[in-house]
Structures are given as structure tokens and as C-alpha cells.
């Protein structure tokens, strides 16, 4: 039971770090996606499923890196968010990635609605903390790292790598 717990914490800690940084500063430092990426390479020997599965993980990570880069280039996603997407996606296989996309979309939709409602109906003058002002005053930015992190954390228990850590 140690390996699944280890996998959970090694995967989850960078996600929480990213969410907290994005919520507090609307930035995700480069070290956080790098931690997520390198921790995958630390865990994969313990959850080894063979070369084809390893290559699938790499393919998913590279594909999401390319997608994140394109979304950043078009201005649809921040740079930190796109790097977090790639650093997290390497942990998943294609079926896991589909689940990650669904969870992230759901959390992102809720986050966007909450911010839109807050930005529309909460007068800026009653926002007394810098954090609340940053979240609700800026009409364009959405800290999507929160949705990416939540989607990742909810996907992990259903993922192939976690099943391998459980011995399945």
C-alpha cells in the first residue's frame, strides 16, 4: 500500500502547488510543471507496464505539449497552464487523457461561471483583499491552473499508472 500512496503524493503535490500559485498570482512557475514531469520518470520504474505503455505516456505528453503550445500561441491559454498540461499529461495514457479532459473541462466551466458571476455582481469597491481584487477585477484572466490541477487529481485514481501502483 506504500506505492499507491507514494504515487498519489508525488503526483498531487505539484498539482496543489500549481493551483495555489495560479490562484494567488495568476502564474505557474516553470519549476512546477518540471517537478510533475521529472517525478513521472521517478515513478515509472515502479509502475512499469512495458515499452508500449511507456511510449504511450511519452506520446500523450508530447501531444499535449504541442496542443498547449498552440493554445498559448493563439492566446487561448497561459504559458504556465500549457506547461502544466504537458507536465501532467505524461502521467496519463490516451483513455486517461480523455478522462482528464472531461474533468478539467467540468472544473474549468464551474471556475469560469463563478468568476463571471463574481465579476458581474460583486462590486469591486467591497473587495478588500488584494487576492479578491485580482480574481474579480481582472476581466480577462482566468486561473485555469486550478481546473487543470483539479482535473488531474480527480483523474489519477482512475489512471493506468495508478492501477499499476495498486498492482492491477
N, C-alpha and C. Protein backbone atom coordinates (compact mmCIF):
# COMPACT_ATOMS: atom_id res chain seq x y z
N UNK A 1 0.81 -1.20 0.00
CA UNK A 1 0.00 0.00 0.00
C UNK A 1 0.85 1.26 0.00
N UNK A 2 2.16 1.11 0.15
CA UNK A 2 3.04 2.27 0.15
C UNK A 2 3.16 2.89 -1.24
N UNK A 3 3.28 2.06 -2.28
CA UNK A 3 3.47 2.59 -3.63
C UNK A 3 2.30 3.45 -4.10
N UNK A 4 1.04 3.02 -3.95
CA UNK A 4 -0.06 3.90 -4.37
C UNK A 4 -0.08 5.24 -3.61
N UNK A 5 0.24 5.18 -2.33
CA UNK A 5 0.28 6.41 -1.54
C UNK A 5 1.40 7.32 -2.03
N UNK A 6 2.54 6.73 -2.30
CA UNK A 6 3.67 7.49 -2.82
C UNK A 6 3.33 8.12 -4.17
N UNK A 7 2.75 7.34 -5.07
CA UNK A 7 2.36 7.85 -6.39
C UNK A 7 1.36 9.01 -6.22
N UNK A 8 0.38 8.82 -5.34
CA UNK A 8 -0.62 9.87 -5.13
C UNK A 8 0.03 11.17 -4.67
N UNK A 9 0.90 11.10 -3.68
CA UNK A 9 1.50 12.33 -3.16
C UNK A 9 2.50 12.95 -4.13
N UNK A 10 3.29 12.12 -4.79
CA UNK A 10 4.26 12.66 -5.75
C UNK A 10 3.54 13.34 -6.91
N UNK A 11 2.41 12.80 -7.31
CA UNK A 11 1.63 13.41 -8.39
C UNK A 11 0.86 14.64 -7.91
N UNK A 12 0.29 14.56 -6.74
CA UNK A 12 -0.63 15.59 -6.25
C UNK A 12 0.08 16.85 -5.77
N UNK A 13 1.23 16.72 -5.17
CA UNK A 13 1.91 17.90 -4.61
C UNK A 13 2.18 18.97 -5.68
N UNK A 14 2.73 18.64 -6.85
CA UNK A 14 2.90 19.70 -7.86
C UNK A 14 1.57 20.29 -8.34
N UNK A 15 0.53 19.46 -8.37
CA UNK A 15 -0.78 19.97 -8.79
C UNK A 15 -1.30 21.01 -7.80
N UNK A 16 -1.16 20.72 -6.53
CA UNK A 16 -1.60 21.66 -5.49
C UNK A 16 -0.74 22.92 -5.53
N UNK A 17 0.56 22.74 -5.72
CA UNK A 17 1.45 23.90 -5.83
C UNK A 17 1.02 24.79 -7.01
N UNK A 18 0.71 24.18 -8.14
CA UNK A 18 0.29 24.94 -9.32
C UNK A 18 -1.01 25.68 -9.06
N UNK A 19 -1.97 24.99 -8.45
CA UNK A 19 -3.26 25.62 -8.16
C UNK A 19 -3.10 26.80 -7.21
N UNK A 20 -2.30 26.63 -6.17
CA UNK A 20 -2.10 27.72 -5.21
C UNK A 20 -1.39 28.91 -5.84
N UNK A 21 -0.36 28.62 -6.63
CA UNK A 21 0.35 29.71 -7.31
C UNK A 21 -0.56 30.44 -8.29
N UNK A 22 -1.34 29.69 -9.05
CA UNK A 22 -2.22 30.32 -10.03
C UNK A 22 -3.32 31.12 -9.34
N UNK A 23 -3.84 30.60 -8.23
CA UNK A 23 -4.88 31.32 -7.50
C UNK A 23 -4.35 32.59 -6.84
N UNK A 24 -3.10 32.56 -6.39
CA UNK A 24 -2.54 33.70 -5.67
C UNK A 24 -1.87 34.73 -6.56
N UNK A 25 -1.30 34.31 -7.68
CA UNK A 25 -0.54 35.25 -8.51
C UNK A 25 -0.90 35.17 -9.99
N UNK A 26 -1.82 34.27 -10.36
CA UNK A 26 -2.17 34.02 -11.76
C UNK A 26 -0.92 33.68 -12.58
N UNK A 27 -0.02 32.93 -11.95
CA UNK A 27 1.19 32.46 -12.61
C UNK A 27 1.52 31.07 -12.07
N UNK A 28 2.08 30.26 -12.94
CA UNK A 28 2.58 28.95 -12.54
C UNK A 28 4.07 28.93 -12.86
N UNK A 29 4.92 28.94 -11.83
CA UNK A 29 6.37 28.94 -12.08
C UNK A 29 6.80 27.70 -12.87
N UNK A 30 7.81 27.86 -13.70
CA UNK A 30 8.30 26.76 -14.54
C UNK A 30 8.69 25.53 -13.74
N UNK A 31 9.16 25.72 -12.52
CA UNK A 31 9.63 24.57 -11.74
C UNK A 31 8.50 23.58 -11.44
N UNK A 32 7.26 24.05 -11.37
CA UNK A 32 6.16 23.15 -11.00
C UNK A 32 5.85 22.13 -12.11
N UNK A 33 5.66 22.55 -13.37
CA UNK A 33 5.49 21.52 -14.42
C UNK A 33 6.71 20.62 -14.56
N UNK A 34 7.90 21.19 -14.32
CA UNK A 34 9.11 20.36 -14.38
C UNK A 34 9.13 19.32 -13.27
N UNK A 35 8.67 19.69 -12.09
CA UNK A 35 8.57 18.71 -10.99
C UNK A 35 7.61 17.60 -11.38
N UNK A 36 6.47 17.97 -11.96
CA UNK A 36 5.49 16.96 -12.39
C UNK A 36 6.10 16.03 -13.44
N UNK A 37 6.81 16.61 -14.39
CA UNK A 37 7.43 15.82 -15.45
C UNK A 37 8.50 14.88 -14.92
N UNK A 38 9.44 15.41 -14.14
CA UNK A 38 10.53 14.58 -13.64
C UNK A 38 10.06 13.53 -12.63
N UNK A 39 9.03 13.85 -11.88
CA UNK A 39 8.52 12.86 -10.92
C UNK A 39 7.90 11.67 -11.65
N UNK A 40 7.37 11.89 -12.86
CA UNK A 40 6.88 10.77 -13.66
C UNK A 40 8.02 9.78 -13.91
N UNK A 41 9.18 10.32 -14.28
CA UNK A 41 10.33 9.45 -14.58
C UNK A 41 10.87 8.75 -13.33
N UNK A 42 10.61 9.32 -12.16
CA UNK A 42 10.98 8.65 -10.91
C UNK A 42 10.04 7.49 -10.60
N UNK A 43 8.77 7.66 -10.93
CA UNK A 43 7.74 6.67 -10.58
C UNK A 43 7.63 5.56 -11.62
N UNK A 44 7.87 5.84 -12.88
CA UNK A 44 7.60 4.86 -13.94
C UNK A 44 8.33 3.52 -13.73
N UNK A 45 9.55 3.46 -13.20
CA UNK A 45 10.16 2.14 -12.99
C UNK A 45 9.36 1.26 -12.02
N UNK A 46 8.65 1.89 -11.10
CA UNK A 46 7.88 1.14 -10.10
C UNK A 46 6.49 0.74 -10.60
N UNK A 47 6.07 1.35 -11.70
CA UNK A 47 4.74 1.06 -12.26
C UNK A 47 4.87 0.60 -13.70
N UNK A 48 6.01 0.06 -14.02
CA UNK A 48 6.35 -0.30 -15.40
C UNK A 48 5.30 -1.22 -16.01
N UNK A 49 4.81 -0.83 -17.18
CA UNK A 49 3.84 -1.65 -17.91
C UNK A 49 4.38 -2.12 -19.24
N UNK A 50 5.65 -1.89 -19.47
CA UNK A 50 6.27 -2.29 -20.72
C UNK A 50 6.55 -1.09 -21.62
N UNK A 51 7.35 -1.36 -22.66
CA UNK A 51 7.75 -0.30 -23.59
C UNK A 51 6.55 0.34 -24.30
N UNK A 52 5.57 -0.45 -24.79
CA UNK A 52 4.44 0.20 -25.48
C UNK A 52 3.67 1.19 -24.59
N UNK A 53 3.48 0.84 -23.33
CA UNK A 53 2.77 1.74 -22.41
C UNK A 53 3.63 2.98 -22.13
N UNK A 54 4.93 2.78 -21.94
CA UNK A 54 5.83 3.91 -21.71
C UNK A 54 5.80 4.86 -22.91
N UNK A 55 5.84 4.30 -24.12
CA UNK A 55 5.79 5.14 -25.33
C UNK A 55 4.45 5.86 -25.44
N UNK A 56 3.38 5.23 -24.99
CA UNK A 56 2.08 5.89 -25.00
C UNK A 56 2.09 7.09 -24.05
N UNK A 57 2.68 6.93 -22.88
CA UNK A 57 2.82 8.06 -21.95
C UNK A 57 3.59 9.20 -22.61
N UNK A 58 4.70 8.88 -23.25
CA UNK A 58 5.51 9.90 -23.92
C UNK A 58 4.73 10.58 -25.04
N UNK A 59 3.97 9.80 -25.80
CA UNK A 59 3.18 10.35 -26.90
C UNK A 59 2.11 11.30 -26.38
N UNK A 60 1.43 10.91 -25.32
CA UNK A 60 0.42 11.77 -24.73
C UNK A 60 1.06 13.07 -24.25
N UNK A 61 2.16 12.96 -23.55
CA UNK A 61 2.85 14.16 -23.06
C UNK A 61 3.27 15.09 -24.18
N UNK A 62 3.86 14.52 -25.25
CA UNK A 62 4.30 15.35 -26.38
C UNK A 62 3.11 15.95 -27.13
N UNK A 63 2.05 15.19 -27.29
CA UNK A 63 0.86 15.71 -27.96
C UNK A 63 0.23 16.85 -27.18
N UNK A 64 0.18 16.71 -25.86
CA UNK A 64 -0.39 17.78 -25.04
C UNK A 64 0.54 18.98 -24.96
N UNK A 65 1.85 18.75 -25.07
CA UNK A 65 2.79 19.86 -25.16
C UNK A 65 2.51 20.66 -26.43
N UNK A 66 2.34 19.96 -27.55
CA UNK A 66 2.06 20.62 -28.83
C UNK A 66 0.72 21.35 -28.79
N UNK A 67 -0.30 20.70 -28.22
CA UNK A 67 -1.61 21.33 -28.11
C UNK A 67 -1.55 22.57 -27.21
N UNK A 68 -0.88 22.44 -26.07
CA UNK A 68 -0.73 23.57 -25.16
C UNK A 68 0.04 24.72 -25.80
N UNK A 69 1.08 24.39 -26.56
CA UNK A 69 1.85 25.41 -27.26
C UNK A 69 0.97 26.14 -28.26
N UNK A 70 0.16 25.39 -29.01
CA UNK A 70 -0.74 26.01 -29.99
C UNK A 70 -1.78 26.89 -29.29
N UNK A 71 -2.34 26.40 -28.19
CA UNK A 71 -3.34 27.18 -27.46
C UNK A 71 -2.71 28.44 -26.88
N UNK A 72 -1.48 28.36 -26.43
CA UNK A 72 -0.77 29.54 -25.94
C UNK A 72 -0.52 30.52 -27.09
N UNK A 73 -0.10 30.00 -28.24
CA UNK A 73 0.20 30.85 -29.40
C UNK A 73 -1.04 31.62 -29.87
N UNK A 74 -2.21 31.00 -29.77
CA UNK A 74 -3.45 31.66 -30.16
C UNK A 74 -4.04 32.53 -29.05
N UNK A 75 -3.40 32.52 -27.87
CA UNK A 75 -3.88 33.33 -26.76
C UNK A 75 -5.05 32.72 -26.01
N UNK A 76 -5.25 31.43 -26.17
CA UNK A 76 -6.38 30.75 -25.52
C UNK A 76 -6.00 30.21 -24.15
N UNK A 77 -4.71 30.14 -23.85
CA UNK A 77 -4.25 29.56 -22.60
C UNK A 77 -2.93 30.24 -22.22
N UNK A 78 -2.72 30.41 -20.94
CA UNK A 78 -1.47 30.99 -20.47
C UNK A 78 -0.31 30.03 -20.62
N UNK A 79 0.90 30.58 -20.61
CA UNK A 79 2.09 29.76 -20.77
C UNK A 79 2.27 28.75 -19.65
N UNK A 80 2.03 29.18 -18.41
CA UNK A 80 2.15 28.27 -17.27
C UNK A 80 1.14 27.15 -17.34
N UNK A 81 -0.08 27.49 -17.76
CA UNK A 81 -1.13 26.48 -17.90
C UNK A 81 -0.75 25.45 -18.96
N UNK A 82 -0.21 25.91 -20.09
CA UNK A 82 0.14 24.97 -21.15
C UNK A 82 1.30 24.05 -20.73
N UNK A 83 2.24 24.60 -19.96
CA UNK A 83 3.34 23.76 -19.47
C UNK A 83 2.84 22.77 -18.42
N UNK A 84 1.92 23.22 -17.58
CA UNK A 84 1.34 22.30 -16.59
C UNK A 84 0.59 21.17 -17.28
N UNK A 85 -0.15 21.50 -18.33
CA UNK A 85 -0.86 20.49 -19.10
C UNK A 85 0.10 19.42 -19.61
N UNK A 86 1.21 19.83 -20.18
CA UNK A 86 2.18 18.86 -20.72
C UNK A 86 2.86 18.07 -19.62
N UNK A 87 3.25 18.75 -18.54
CA UNK A 87 3.92 18.05 -17.44
C UNK A 87 3.04 17.06 -16.73
N UNK A 88 1.75 17.33 -16.75
CA UNK A 88 0.78 16.42 -16.12
C UNK A 88 0.37 15.31 -17.07
N UNK A 89 0.18 15.64 -18.33
CA UNK A 89 -0.34 14.68 -19.31
C UNK A 89 0.56 13.47 -19.48
N UNK A 90 1.85 13.62 -19.27
CA UNK A 90 2.76 12.48 -19.45
C UNK A 90 2.42 11.34 -18.47
N UNK A 91 1.75 11.66 -17.39
CA UNK A 91 1.35 10.64 -16.42
C UNK A 91 0.21 9.77 -16.95
N UNK A 92 -0.43 10.19 -18.03
CA UNK A 92 -1.65 9.52 -18.49
C UNK A 92 -1.46 8.82 -19.83
N UNK A 93 -2.27 7.79 -20.04
CA UNK A 93 -2.39 7.15 -21.35
C UNK A 93 -3.57 7.81 -22.06
N UNK A 94 -3.85 7.42 -23.30
CA UNK A 94 -4.93 8.08 -24.05
C UNK A 94 -6.30 7.98 -23.37
N UNK A 95 -6.72 6.81 -22.88
CA UNK A 95 -8.02 6.78 -22.18
C UNK A 95 -8.02 7.67 -20.93
N UNK A 96 -6.90 7.70 -20.21
CA UNK A 96 -6.78 8.58 -19.04
C UNK A 96 -6.89 10.04 -19.48
N UNK A 97 -6.26 10.35 -20.61
CA UNK A 97 -6.25 11.75 -21.10
C UNK A 97 -7.65 12.22 -21.43
N UNK A 98 -8.45 11.33 -21.96
CA UNK A 98 -9.85 11.69 -22.24
C UNK A 98 -10.58 12.04 -20.94
N UNK A 99 -10.37 11.22 -19.92
CA UNK A 99 -10.98 11.49 -18.62
C UNK A 99 -10.45 12.80 -18.04
N UNK A 100 -9.15 13.04 -18.18
CA UNK A 100 -8.55 14.28 -17.71
C UNK A 100 -9.18 15.49 -18.41
N UNK A 101 -9.39 15.36 -19.71
CA UNK A 101 -10.01 16.46 -20.47
C UNK A 101 -11.43 16.72 -19.98
N UNK A 102 -12.17 15.66 -19.70
CA UNK A 102 -13.56 15.82 -19.22
C UNK A 102 -13.57 16.48 -17.84
N UNK A 103 -12.78 15.94 -16.92
CA UNK A 103 -12.75 16.52 -15.57
C UNK A 103 -12.28 17.98 -15.60
N UNK A 104 -11.23 18.25 -16.36
CA UNK A 104 -10.71 19.61 -16.44
C UNK A 104 -11.74 20.55 -17.05
N UNK A 105 -12.44 20.10 -18.06
CA UNK A 105 -13.49 20.93 -18.67
C UNK A 105 -14.60 21.24 -17.68
N UNK A 106 -15.00 20.24 -16.91
CA UNK A 106 -16.05 20.46 -15.91
C UNK A 106 -15.60 21.46 -14.85
N UNK A 107 -14.41 21.25 -14.31
CA UNK A 107 -13.89 22.17 -13.30
C UNK A 107 -13.66 23.56 -13.89
N UNK A 108 -13.17 23.61 -15.11
CA UNK A 108 -12.95 24.90 -15.78
C UNK A 108 -14.24 25.64 -16.03
N UNK A 109 -15.29 24.92 -16.39
CA UNK A 109 -16.59 25.55 -16.60
C UNK A 109 -17.14 26.14 -15.32
N UNK A 110 -17.04 25.38 -14.24
CA UNK A 110 -17.51 25.89 -12.93
C UNK A 110 -16.68 27.10 -12.51
N UNK A 111 -15.37 27.00 -12.64
CA UNK A 111 -14.49 28.11 -12.29
C UNK A 111 -14.85 29.37 -13.09
N UNK A 112 -15.04 29.21 -14.37
CA UNK A 112 -15.37 30.34 -15.24
C UNK A 112 -16.71 30.96 -14.85
N UNK A 113 -17.70 30.12 -14.60
CA UNK A 113 -19.01 30.65 -14.19
C UNK A 113 -18.93 31.41 -12.87
N UNK A 114 -18.20 30.85 -11.91
CA UNK A 114 -18.05 31.52 -10.62
C UNK A 114 -17.38 32.88 -10.80
N UNK A 115 -16.33 32.92 -11.60
CA UNK A 115 -15.64 34.19 -11.81
C UNK A 115 -16.50 35.18 -12.59
N UNK A 116 -17.22 34.70 -13.59
CA UNK A 116 -18.09 35.60 -14.35
C UNK A 116 -19.19 36.18 -13.47
N UNK A 117 -19.81 35.35 -12.66
CA UNK A 117 -20.85 35.82 -11.75
C UNK A 117 -20.25 36.79 -10.74
N UNK A 118 -19.11 36.43 -10.16
CA UNK A 118 -18.45 37.31 -9.20
C UNK A 118 -18.06 38.64 -9.82
N UNK A 119 -17.52 38.61 -11.03
CA UNK A 119 -17.09 39.83 -11.70
C UNK A 119 -18.27 40.71 -12.11
N UNK A 120 -19.41 40.08 -12.32
CA UNK A 120 -20.60 40.83 -12.73
C UNK A 120 -21.35 41.42 -11.54
N UNK A 121 -21.47 40.65 -10.48
CA UNK A 121 -22.38 41.04 -9.39
C UNK A 121 -21.72 41.50 -8.10
N UNK A 122 -20.42 41.34 -7.96
CA UNK A 122 -19.77 41.79 -6.74
C UNK A 122 -19.07 43.11 -7.05
N UNK A 123 -19.49 44.20 -6.42
CA UNK A 123 -18.85 45.50 -6.68
C UNK A 123 -17.38 45.48 -6.25
N UNK A 124 -16.52 45.98 -7.08
CA UNK A 124 -15.08 45.97 -6.83
C UNK A 124 -14.75 46.72 -5.54
N UNK A 125 -15.51 47.75 -5.21
CA UNK A 125 -15.18 48.56 -4.03
C UNK A 125 -15.31 47.79 -2.73
N UNK A 126 -16.08 46.67 -2.71
CA UNK A 126 -16.20 45.92 -1.46
C UNK A 126 -15.14 44.82 -1.34
N UNK A 127 -14.36 44.67 -2.38
CA UNK A 127 -13.28 43.68 -2.34
C UNK A 127 -12.11 44.27 -1.58
N UNK A 128 -11.86 43.77 -0.40
CA UNK A 128 -10.85 44.38 0.47
C UNK A 128 -9.50 43.71 0.40
N UNK A 129 -9.44 42.50 -0.06
CA UNK A 129 -8.15 41.81 -0.12
C UNK A 129 -7.56 41.91 -1.52
N UNK A 130 -6.25 41.98 -1.63
CA UNK A 130 -5.63 42.01 -2.96
C UNK A 130 -5.98 40.77 -3.78
N UNK A 131 -6.10 39.62 -3.10
CA UNK A 131 -6.44 38.39 -3.81
C UNK A 131 -7.81 38.50 -4.46
N UNK A 132 -8.80 38.95 -3.71
CA UNK A 132 -10.15 39.09 -4.26
C UNK A 132 -10.18 40.11 -5.38
N UNK A 133 -9.46 41.19 -5.22
CA UNK A 133 -9.41 42.19 -6.28
C UNK A 133 -8.79 41.62 -7.55
N UNK A 134 -7.71 40.85 -7.40
CA UNK A 134 -7.06 40.26 -8.56
C UNK A 134 -8.01 39.27 -9.25
N UNK A 135 -8.66 38.44 -8.47
CA UNK A 135 -9.55 37.41 -9.04
C UNK A 135 -10.77 38.01 -9.74
N UNK A 136 -11.36 39.02 -9.13
CA UNK A 136 -12.64 39.51 -9.62
C UNK A 136 -12.56 40.81 -10.41
N UNK A 137 -11.43 41.49 -10.36
CA UNK A 137 -11.33 42.76 -11.08
C UNK A 137 -10.83 42.54 -12.50
N UNK A 138 -9.88 41.64 -12.67
CA UNK A 138 -9.32 41.40 -14.00
C UNK A 138 -10.34 40.65 -14.85
N UNK A 139 -10.85 41.32 -15.84
CA UNK A 139 -11.94 40.77 -16.67
C UNK A 139 -11.48 39.69 -17.65
N UNK A 140 -10.19 39.58 -17.90
CA UNK A 140 -9.73 38.69 -18.96
C UNK A 140 -9.08 37.41 -18.47
N UNK A 141 -8.41 37.46 -17.34
CA UNK A 141 -7.64 36.31 -16.88
C UNK A 141 -8.51 35.35 -16.07
N UNK A 142 -8.27 34.08 -16.31
CA UNK A 142 -8.89 33.02 -15.52
C UNK A 142 -7.77 32.08 -15.09
N UNK A 143 -7.62 31.85 -13.79
CA UNK A 143 -6.55 30.96 -13.33
C UNK A 143 -6.88 29.50 -13.63
N UNK A 144 -6.71 29.13 -14.91
CA UNK A 144 -7.13 27.80 -15.36
C UNK A 144 -6.28 26.69 -14.77
N UNK A 145 -5.15 27.05 -14.16
CA UNK A 145 -4.34 26.05 -13.47
C UNK A 145 -5.12 25.35 -12.37
N UNK A 146 -6.10 26.04 -11.78
CA UNK A 146 -6.96 25.42 -10.76
C UNK A 146 -7.75 24.26 -11.38
N UNK A 147 -8.31 24.50 -12.56
CA UNK A 147 -9.08 23.46 -13.23
C UNK A 147 -8.18 22.32 -13.70
N UNK A 148 -7.02 22.66 -14.23
CA UNK A 148 -6.07 21.63 -14.67
C UNK A 148 -5.64 20.75 -13.50
N UNK A 149 -5.34 21.37 -12.37
CA UNK A 149 -4.91 20.61 -11.19
C UNK A 149 -6.04 19.74 -10.65
N UNK A 150 -7.23 20.32 -10.53
CA UNK A 150 -8.37 19.54 -10.02
C UNK A 150 -8.69 18.38 -10.96
N UNK A 151 -8.68 18.63 -12.26
CA UNK A 151 -8.94 17.56 -13.22
C UNK A 151 -7.91 16.45 -13.12
N UNK A 152 -6.65 16.83 -12.93
CA UNK A 152 -5.58 15.84 -12.81
C UNK A 152 -5.74 14.99 -11.55
N UNK A 153 -6.03 15.66 -10.44
CA UNK A 153 -6.17 14.93 -9.17
C UNK A 153 -7.36 13.98 -9.21
N UNK A 154 -8.44 14.39 -9.85
CA UNK A 154 -9.60 13.51 -9.96
C UNK A 154 -9.38 12.39 -10.96
N UNK A 155 -8.50 12.59 -11.93
CA UNK A 155 -8.21 11.56 -12.94
C UNK A 155 -7.26 10.49 -12.40
N UNK A 156 -6.30 10.88 -11.59
CA UNK A 156 -5.25 9.95 -11.16
C UNK A 156 -5.78 8.62 -10.62
N UNK A 157 -6.77 8.59 -9.72
CA UNK A 157 -7.20 7.29 -9.19
C UNK A 157 -7.78 6.34 -10.24
N UNK A 158 -8.16 6.88 -11.40
CA UNK A 158 -8.73 6.06 -12.47
C UNK A 158 -7.71 5.75 -13.56
N UNK A 159 -6.48 6.20 -13.38
CA UNK A 159 -5.47 6.10 -14.43
C UNK A 159 -4.76 4.75 -14.44
N UNK A 160 -4.16 4.47 -15.56
CA UNK A 160 -3.40 3.22 -15.72
C UNK A 160 -2.20 3.17 -14.77
N UNK A 161 -1.51 4.29 -14.62
CA UNK A 161 -0.33 4.31 -13.76
C UNK A 161 -0.70 4.05 -12.30
N UNK A 162 -1.84 4.55 -11.89
CA UNK A 162 -2.28 4.32 -10.51
C UNK A 162 -2.74 2.87 -10.33
N UNK A 163 -3.40 2.31 -11.35
CA UNK A 163 -3.78 0.90 -11.31
C UNK A 163 -2.54 0.03 -11.21
N UNK A 164 -1.48 0.40 -11.92
CA UNK A 164 -0.22 -0.36 -11.84
C UNK A 164 0.39 -0.25 -10.45
N UNK A 165 0.28 0.93 -9.85
CA UNK A 165 0.79 1.12 -8.48
C UNK A 165 0.01 0.26 -7.49
N UNK A 166 -1.28 0.05 -7.77
CA UNK A 166 -2.10 -0.81 -6.92
C UNK A 166 -1.85 -2.30 -7.18
N UNK A 167 -1.12 -2.59 -8.25
CA UNK A 167 -0.83 -3.98 -8.59
C UNK A 167 -1.85 -4.61 -9.51
N UNK A 168 -2.67 -3.81 -10.14
CA UNK A 168 -3.70 -4.34 -11.07
C UNK A 168 -3.20 -4.38 -12.48
